[in-house]
């Protein structure tokens, strides 16, 4: 009774202050059954995969490379499971839940129709484009740094038969790259302190490039380290637990740069397409010679990014101050070791 009264008071307050009533939250959305998955495969037969990764970890490069194969298509950032409201937002209200579970609704076969509706929407979006380009395997790349492991859980509900590719980059390089992306593309979120750092770096980058001054606030570098650890740890663990070796694979961005063909052959093999097709190797080499993101940032903020080596490994070594290193080591040191970026904590 108390909960009902509290709920009604909140709704009344919402109407009073905004003139609009909040939608009531719904219950947990169930997973697709194996029978429903089989039905979807009959209607939408193309194989599906999803690329996850922390921000600035090479998801875009991987997308450009993976769709070089004529049987594979991948497009950008549907955020079906990786950024709120996610696909679940389409059915996220008590009223819609009631509609899709109502006993008189004879289409729902006596259970919540929500996961079927969600899967149908994603399937059509993906296969509509795949069929236009003649692909037999279709995927979406959406960084999952906002929801981390929760994104894997949401994906598994709707795509227990899907495949998940997770790309990991050295968290220190990812932090540096993300910081400059903030300076260029997310200026509306910069604080006064952030703006001061940005202006100083643009005027005189040398002290920053020698690690004498930091591009990060203390809170910012700590938050970047925590975010990276949470993303890498949760996503990899849940990917392994939920999908296993046949449906989950991970790779390091650094290995993608160093041994591009080997990594791409491994990923295409994971997706079940022929890696012996002629000219594939040459296409990978040619694609790696371009960097559209670097060109865009150069066009938009040339003087700011001029001192940087875009897309390269190890840029953190020039830009991290002693304070930055210590904070990142304290927060993410063990995770860096686990992924082979360090052998110990003496860096």
Protein backbone atom coordinates (compact mmCIF):
# COMPACT_ATOMS: atom_id res chain seq x y z
CA UNK A 1 0.00 0.00 0.00
CA UNK A 2 2.82 2.43 0.92
CA UNK A 3 4.56 1.73 -2.38
CA UNK A 4 1.36 2.41 -4.31
CA UNK A 5 0.81 5.70 -2.49
CA UNK A 6 4.43 6.73 -3.08
CA UNK A 7 4.11 5.91 -6.77
CA UNK A 8 0.93 7.95 -7.10
CA UNK A 9 2.52 10.93 -5.34
CA UNK A 10 5.47 10.82 -7.73
CA UNK A 11 3.14 10.73 -10.71
CA UNK A 12 1.11 13.63 -9.32
CA UNK A 13 4.28 15.67 -8.79
CA UNK A 14 5.42 14.92 -12.34
CA UNK A 15 2.11 16.10 -13.78
CA UNK A 16 2.12 19.23 -11.58
CA UNK A 17 5.64 20.37 -12.49
CA UNK A 18 5.85 19.29 -16.15
CA UNK A 19 2.27 18.77 -17.29
CA UNK A 20 3.23 15.23 -18.35
CA UNK A 21 2.93 11.91 -16.60
CA UNK A 22 5.87 9.54 -16.39
CA UNK A 23 5.44 6.17 -18.07
CA UNK A 24 5.37 3.38 -15.54
CA UNK A 25 8.45 1.10 -15.71
CA UNK A 26 7.84 -2.40 -16.94
CA UNK A 27 9.03 -5.75 -15.65
CA UNK A 28 12.16 -7.50 -16.89
CA UNK A 29 12.07 -8.43 -20.57
CA UNK A 30 12.38 -12.21 -21.03
CA UNK A 31 14.84 -13.91 -23.34
CA UNK A 32 13.88 -15.46 -26.64
CA UNK A 33 13.17 -19.17 -26.46
CA UNK A 34 15.09 -21.65 -28.63
CA UNK A 35 11.89 -22.22 -30.62
CA UNK A 36 11.56 -18.48 -31.32
CA UNK A 37 15.21 -18.28 -32.39
CA UNK A 38 14.61 -21.12 -34.86
CA UNK A 39 11.59 -19.30 -36.26
CA UNK A 40 13.63 -16.14 -36.77
CA UNK A 41 16.35 -18.06 -38.57
CA UNK A 42 13.70 -19.27 -41.01
CA UNK A 43 12.49 -15.73 -41.74
CA UNK A 44 15.86 -13.95 -41.44
CA UNK A 45 18.53 -16.53 -42.34
CA UNK A 46 21.65 -14.33 -42.47
CA UNK A 47 24.22 -14.80 -39.70
CA UNK A 48 24.55 -11.84 -37.29
CA UNK A 49 27.48 -10.51 -35.28
CA UNK A 50 28.13 -7.49 -33.07
CA UNK A 51 31.38 -5.65 -32.41
CA UNK A 52 31.86 -4.22 -28.90
CA UNK A 53 34.75 -2.25 -27.45
CA UNK A 54 35.61 0.67 -25.20
CA UNK A 55 35.62 4.15 -26.74
CA UNK A 56 38.65 4.80 -28.96
CA UNK A 57 39.69 1.15 -29.00
CA UNK A 58 39.72 0.53 -32.75
CA UNK A 59 36.12 -0.51 -33.37
CA UNK A 60 35.90 1.75 -36.43
CA UNK A 61 39.11 0.41 -37.97
CA UNK A 62 37.95 -3.13 -37.34
CA UNK A 63 34.64 -2.38 -39.04
CA UNK A 64 36.40 -0.98 -42.11
CA UNK A 65 38.55 -4.09 -42.33
CA UNK A 66 35.98 -6.76 -41.60
CA UNK A 67 33.60 -5.59 -44.31
CA UNK A 68 36.30 -5.83 -46.96
CA UNK A 69 35.23 -9.45 -47.34
CA UNK A 70 32.55 -9.65 -50.05
CA UNK A 71 30.38 -11.93 -47.92
CA UNK A 72 30.47 -9.68 -44.83
CA UNK A 73 28.82 -6.33 -44.20
CA UNK A 74 29.05 -4.24 -41.05
CA UNK A 75 27.71 -0.78 -40.35
CA UNK A 76 28.07 1.70 -37.53
CA UNK A 77 26.46 2.25 -34.17
CA UNK A 78 22.93 0.98 -34.14
CA UNK A 79 23.45 0.83 -30.34
CA UNK A 80 20.85 -1.90 -30.13
CA UNK A 81 22.27 -3.05 -26.78
CA UNK A 82 25.02 -0.60 -25.90
CA UNK A 83 23.56 2.84 -25.22
CA UNK A 84 20.36 3.68 -23.38
CA UNK A 85 17.52 3.47 -24.07
CA UNK A 86 18.76 0.58 -26.31
CA UNK A 87 16.27 -1.45 -28.29
CA UNK A 88 14.44 -2.20 -25.05
CA UNK A 89 13.25 1.40 -25.07
CA UNK A 90 10.72 0.39 -27.73
CA UNK A 91 8.81 -1.70 -25.21
CA UNK A 92 9.88 -0.02 -21.98
CA UNK A 93 6.62 0.91 -20.30
CA UNK A 94 4.03 -0.78 -18.16
CA UNK A 95 1.34 -0.01 -20.75
CA UNK A 96 3.26 -1.68 -23.59
CA UNK A 97 4.06 -4.66 -21.39
CA UNK A 98 0.35 -5.02 -20.64
CA UNK A 99 -0.47 -4.86 -24.35
CA UNK A 100 2.13 -7.48 -25.30
CA UNK A 101 1.23 -9.86 -22.45
CA UNK A 102 -2.56 -9.46 -22.44
CA UNK A 103 -4.40 -12.78 -22.40
CA UNK A 104 -6.81 -11.64 -25.07
CA UNK A 105 -3.85 -10.96 -27.40
CA UNK A 106 -3.84 -14.33 -29.14
CA UNK A 107 -0.68 -13.48 -31.10
CA UNK A 108 1.59 -13.70 -28.07
CA UNK A 109 1.09 -17.46 -27.50
CA UNK A 110 0.54 -16.88 -23.82
CA UNK A 111 3.83 -15.13 -23.03
CA UNK A 112 5.44 -11.69 -23.28
CA UNK A 113 5.81 -10.79 -26.97
CA UNK A 114 8.46 -8.11 -26.25
CA UNK A 115 11.63 -10.05 -27.20
CA UNK A 116 10.01 -11.14 -30.46
CA UNK A 117 9.16 -7.53 -31.32
CA UNK A 118 12.70 -6.41 -30.54
CA UNK A 119 14.37 -9.17 -32.53
CA UNK A 120 12.10 -8.52 -35.51
CA UNK A 121 13.04 -4.84 -35.54
CA UNK A 122 16.80 -5.50 -35.42
CA UNK A 123 16.59 -8.28 -38.00
CA UNK A 124 14.83 -6.10 -40.53
CA UNK A 125 17.26 -3.19 -40.06
CA UNK A 126 20.28 -5.45 -40.53
CA UNK A 127 19.06 -7.67 -43.36
CA UNK A 128 17.56 -4.79 -45.32
CA UNK A 129 21.06 -3.40 -45.85
CA UNK A 130 22.85 -6.74 -46.13
CA UNK A 131 20.64 -7.81 -49.01
CA UNK A 132 21.39 -4.59 -50.88
CA UNK A 133 25.13 -5.37 -50.87
CA UNK A 134 24.80 -9.12 -51.33
CA UNK A 135 26.28 -10.09 -47.94
CA UNK A 136 25.55 -13.37 -46.16
CA UNK A 137 26.92 -12.23 -42.78
CA UNK A 138 25.85 -8.92 -41.28
CA UNK A 139 26.99 -7.06 -38.18
CA UNK A 140 26.85 -3.83 -36.21
CA UNK A 141 29.69 -2.10 -34.40
CA UNK A 142 28.65 -0.16 -31.34
CA UNK A 143 31.13 0.71 -28.57
CA UNK A 144 29.77 -0.57 -25.26
CA UNK A 145 31.71 1.66 -22.88
CA UNK A 146 28.51 3.08 -21.39
CA UNK A 147 26.88 -0.22 -20.42
CA UNK A 148 29.87 -2.59 -20.38
CA UNK A 149 28.81 -6.11 -19.39
CA UNK A 150 25.17 -5.11 -19.25
CA UNK A 151 25.31 -4.72 -23.04
CA UNK A 152 26.32 -8.38 -23.36
CA UNK A 153 23.43 -9.43 -21.13
CA UNK A 154 20.94 -7.45 -23.21
CA UNK A 155 22.36 -8.83 -26.44
CA UNK A 156 22.09 -12.42 -25.24
CA UNK A 157 18.38 -12.00 -24.48
CA UNK A 158 17.63 -11.12 -28.09
CA UNK A 159 20.54 -12.83 -29.88
CA UNK A 160 21.51 -15.99 -28.01
CA UNK A 161 22.57 -17.31 -31.43
CA UNK A 162 24.59 -14.20 -32.39
CA UNK A 163 28.36 -13.79 -32.38
CA UNK A 164 30.25 -11.19 -30.36
CA UNK A 165 33.62 -9.67 -31.30
CA UNK A 166 35.35 -7.66 -28.58
CA UNK A 167 38.33 -5.45 -29.38
CA UNK A 168 40.63 -4.21 -26.60
CA UNK A 169 43.19 -1.41 -26.73
CA UNK A 170 45.81 -0.44 -24.16
CA UNK A 171 43.70 1.60 -21.75
CA UNK A 172 46.32 4.34 -21.55
CA UNK A 173 46.30 4.90 -25.30
CA UNK A 174 42.50 4.73 -25.32
CA UNK A 175 42.39 7.39 -22.59
CA UNK A 176 44.67 9.73 -24.56
CA UNK A 177 42.70 9.26 -27.78
CA UNK A 178 39.39 9.78 -26.00
CA UNK A 179 40.69 12.93 -24.33
CA UNK A 180 41.51 14.56 -27.65
CA UNK A 181 38.20 13.42 -29.07
CA UNK A 182 36.57 15.30 -26.19
CA UNK A 183 38.63 18.38 -27.01
CA UNK A 184 37.43 18.25 -30.63
CA UNK A 185 33.99 16.65 -30.78
CA UNK A 186 32.53 17.03 -27.28
CA UNK A 187 33.41 20.59 -26.36
CA UNK A 188 29.98 21.13 -24.84
CA UNK A 189 30.96 18.79 -22.01
CA UNK A 190 34.28 20.46 -21.19
CA UNK A 191 34.67 22.21 -17.85
CA UNK A 192 36.56 25.49 -17.39
CA UNK A 193 39.58 23.47 -16.29
CA UNK A 194 39.31 21.31 -19.41
CA UNK A 195 39.15 24.38 -21.62
CA UNK A 196 42.23 25.81 -19.92
CA UNK A 197 44.19 22.61 -20.62
CA UNK A 198 42.99 22.55 -24.22
CA UNK A 199 44.04 26.15 -24.87
CA UNK A 200 47.43 25.68 -23.21
CA UNK A 201 48.13 22.52 -25.21
CA UNK A 202 47.21 24.23 -28.48
CA UNK A 203 49.48 27.20 -27.71
CA UNK A 204 52.45 25.22 -26.41
CA UNK A 205 52.25 21.41 -26.68
CA UNK A 206 55.91 20.68 -25.86
CA UNK A 207 55.58 20.41 -22.06
CA UNK A 208 52.62 18.07 -22.51
CA UNK A 209 54.46 15.93 -25.07
CA UNK A 210 57.35 15.55 -22.61
CA UNK A 211 55.04 14.43 -19.80
CA UNK A 212 55.71 17.57 -17.77
CA UNK A 213 52.12 18.81 -17.86
CA UNK A 214 49.00 16.65 -18.02
CA UNK A 215 46.20 16.75 -20.55
CA UNK A 216 44.00 15.21 -17.83
CA UNK A 217 42.53 16.51 -14.63
CA UNK A 218 43.21 14.21 -11.68
CA UNK A 219 39.57 13.20 -11.58
CA UNK A 220 39.56 12.67 -15.34
CA UNK A 221 42.49 10.25 -15.49
CA UNK A 222 41.10 8.30 -12.55
CA UNK A 223 37.70 8.06 -14.22
CA UNK A 224 39.29 6.97 -17.52
CA UNK A 225 41.20 4.16 -15.83
CA UNK A 226 38.15 2.93 -13.93
CA UNK A 227 35.98 3.04 -17.05
CA UNK A 228 38.48 1.02 -19.07
CA UNK A 229 38.94 -1.64 -16.41
CA UNK A 230 35.19 -2.05 -15.95
CA UNK A 231 34.58 -2.33 -19.68
CA UNK A 232 37.36 -4.80 -20.41
CA UNK A 233 36.73 -6.99 -17.37
CA UNK A 234 32.94 -7.18 -17.56
CA UNK A 235 32.64 -7.54 -21.32
CA UNK A 236 35.25 -10.26 -21.64
CA UNK A 237 33.97 -12.26 -18.66
CA UNK A 238 30.34 -12.10 -19.72
CA UNK A 239 31.23 -12.78 -23.35
CA UNK A 240 33.00 -15.98 -22.30
CA UNK A 241 30.30 -17.01 -19.84
CA UNK A 242 27.33 -16.33 -22.12
CA UNK A 243 28.69 -17.28 -25.53
CA UNK A 244 31.75 -19.51 -25.22
CA UNK A 245 34.46 -20.03 -27.83
CA UNK A 246 32.12 -20.70 -30.75
CA UNK A 247 30.28 -17.39 -30.42
CA UNK A 248 32.73 -15.05 -28.65
CA UNK A 249 36.15 -13.86 -29.74
CA UNK A 250 38.44 -11.07 -28.54
CA UNK A 251 41.46 -9.35 -30.03
CA UNK A 252 43.83 -6.55 -29.18
CA UNK A 253 43.93 -3.40 -31.29
CA UNK A 254 47.71 -3.48 -31.13
CA UNK A 255 47.79 -6.98 -32.66
CA UNK A 256 45.41 -5.82 -35.37
CA UNK A 257 48.01 -3.21 -36.34
CA UNK A 258 51.04 -5.51 -36.07
CA UNK A 259 49.65 -8.64 -37.71
CA UNK A 260 46.65 -7.39 -39.60
CA UNK A 261 46.20 -10.24 -42.04
CA UNK A 262 46.54 -12.92 -39.38
CA UNK A 263 43.99 -11.22 -37.15
CA UNK A 264 41.51 -10.64 -39.97
CA UNK A 265 41.84 -14.21 -41.21
CA UNK A 266 41.12 -15.37 -37.66
CA UNK A 267 38.02 -13.15 -37.44
CA UNK A 268 36.68 -14.09 -40.86
CA UNK A 269 37.21 -17.73 -39.96
CA UNK A 270 35.25 -17.12 -36.76
CA UNK A 271 32.40 -15.71 -38.88
CA UNK A 272 32.53 -18.75 -41.14
CA UNK A 273 33.49 -17.10 -44.44
CA UNK A 274 36.15 -18.13 -46.94
CA UNK A 275 39.54 -16.52 -46.24
CA UNK A 276 41.20 -17.90 -49.39
CA UNK A 277 39.48 -15.49 -51.74
CA UNK A 278 41.94 -13.68 -54.02
CA UNK A 279 43.08 -10.11 -53.25
CA UNK A 280 41.78 -10.14 -49.66
CA UNK A 281 45.30 -9.72 -48.31
CA UNK A 282 45.95 -6.78 -50.63
CA UNK A 283 42.66 -5.15 -49.65
CA UNK A 284 43.61 -5.28 -45.97
CA UNK A 285 47.01 -3.72 -46.67
CA UNK A 286 45.47 -0.96 -48.76
CA UNK A 287 42.79 -0.14 -46.17
CA UNK A 288 45.37 0.17 -43.42
CA UNK A 289 47.20 2.84 -45.39
CA UNK A 290 44.34 5.29 -44.85
CA UNK A 291 43.06 6.91 -41.65
CA UNK A 292 39.79 8.79 -42.22
CA UNK A 293 39.47 9.68 -38.52
CA UNK A 294 42.89 11.33 -38.50
CA UNK A 295 41.99 13.32 -41.61
CA UNK A 296 38.74 14.47 -40.04
CA UNK A 297 40.42 15.62 -36.84
CA UNK A 298 43.16 17.34 -38.84
CA UNK A 299 40.49 19.18 -40.81
CA UNK A 300 38.52 20.16 -37.74
CA UNK A 301 41.34 21.00 -35.31
CA UNK A 302 44.61 20.86 -37.19
CA UNK A 303 46.81 22.80 -34.77
CA UNK A 304 45.54 20.85 -31.78
CA UNK A 305 46.26 17.38 -33.17
CA UNK A 306 49.34 18.20 -35.23
CA UNK A 307 51.81 16.92 -32.57
CA UNK A 308 50.02 13.57 -32.20
CA UNK A 309 50.58 10.27 -33.95
CA UNK A 310 47.05 9.17 -34.69
CA UNK A 311 46.13 5.53 -34.28
CA UNK A 312 49.58 4.43 -33.08
CA UNK A 313 50.37 2.37 -30.01
CA UNK A 314 52.29 3.84 -27.11
CA UNK A 315 51.36 7.52 -27.39
CA UNK A 316 50.62 7.51 -23.66
CA UNK A 317 54.35 7.21 -22.97
CA UNK A 318 54.88 10.76 -24.23
CA UNK A 319 51.77 12.32 -22.73
CA UNK A 320 51.38 10.71 -19.31
CA UNK A 321 52.85 12.59 -16.38
CA UNK A 322 54.20 10.78 -13.31
CA UNK A 323 50.87 11.44 -11.62
CA UNK A 324 48.91 10.00 -14.56
CA UNK A 325 51.05 6.85 -14.56
CA UNK A 326 50.63 6.30 -10.85
CA UNK A 327 46.86 6.73 -10.93
CA UNK A 328 46.47 4.45 -13.92
CA UNK A 329 48.79 1.89 -12.36
CA UNK A 330 46.85 1.90 -9.09
CA UNK A 331 43.50 1.46 -10.84
CA UNK A 332 44.31 -0.57 -13.95
CA UNK A 333 47.74 -2.09 -13.40
CA UNK A 334 46.56 -5.67 -12.93
CA UNK A 335 44.22 -5.46 -15.92
CA UNK A 336 47.05 -4.18 -18.13
CA UNK A 337 49.10 -7.20 -17.06
CA UNK A 338 46.21 -9.58 -17.71
CA UNK A 339 45.92 -8.36 -21.30
CA UNK A 340 49.67 -8.48 -21.93
CA UNK A 341 50.33 -4.75 -21.99
CA UNK A 342 52.71 -4.94 -19.04
CA UNK A 343 54.65 -7.73 -17.34
CA UNK A 344 54.58 -6.07 -13.95
CA UNK A 345 53.93 -2.82 -12.11
CA UNK A 346 57.37 -1.28 -12.58
CA UNK A 347 56.57 0.92 -15.54
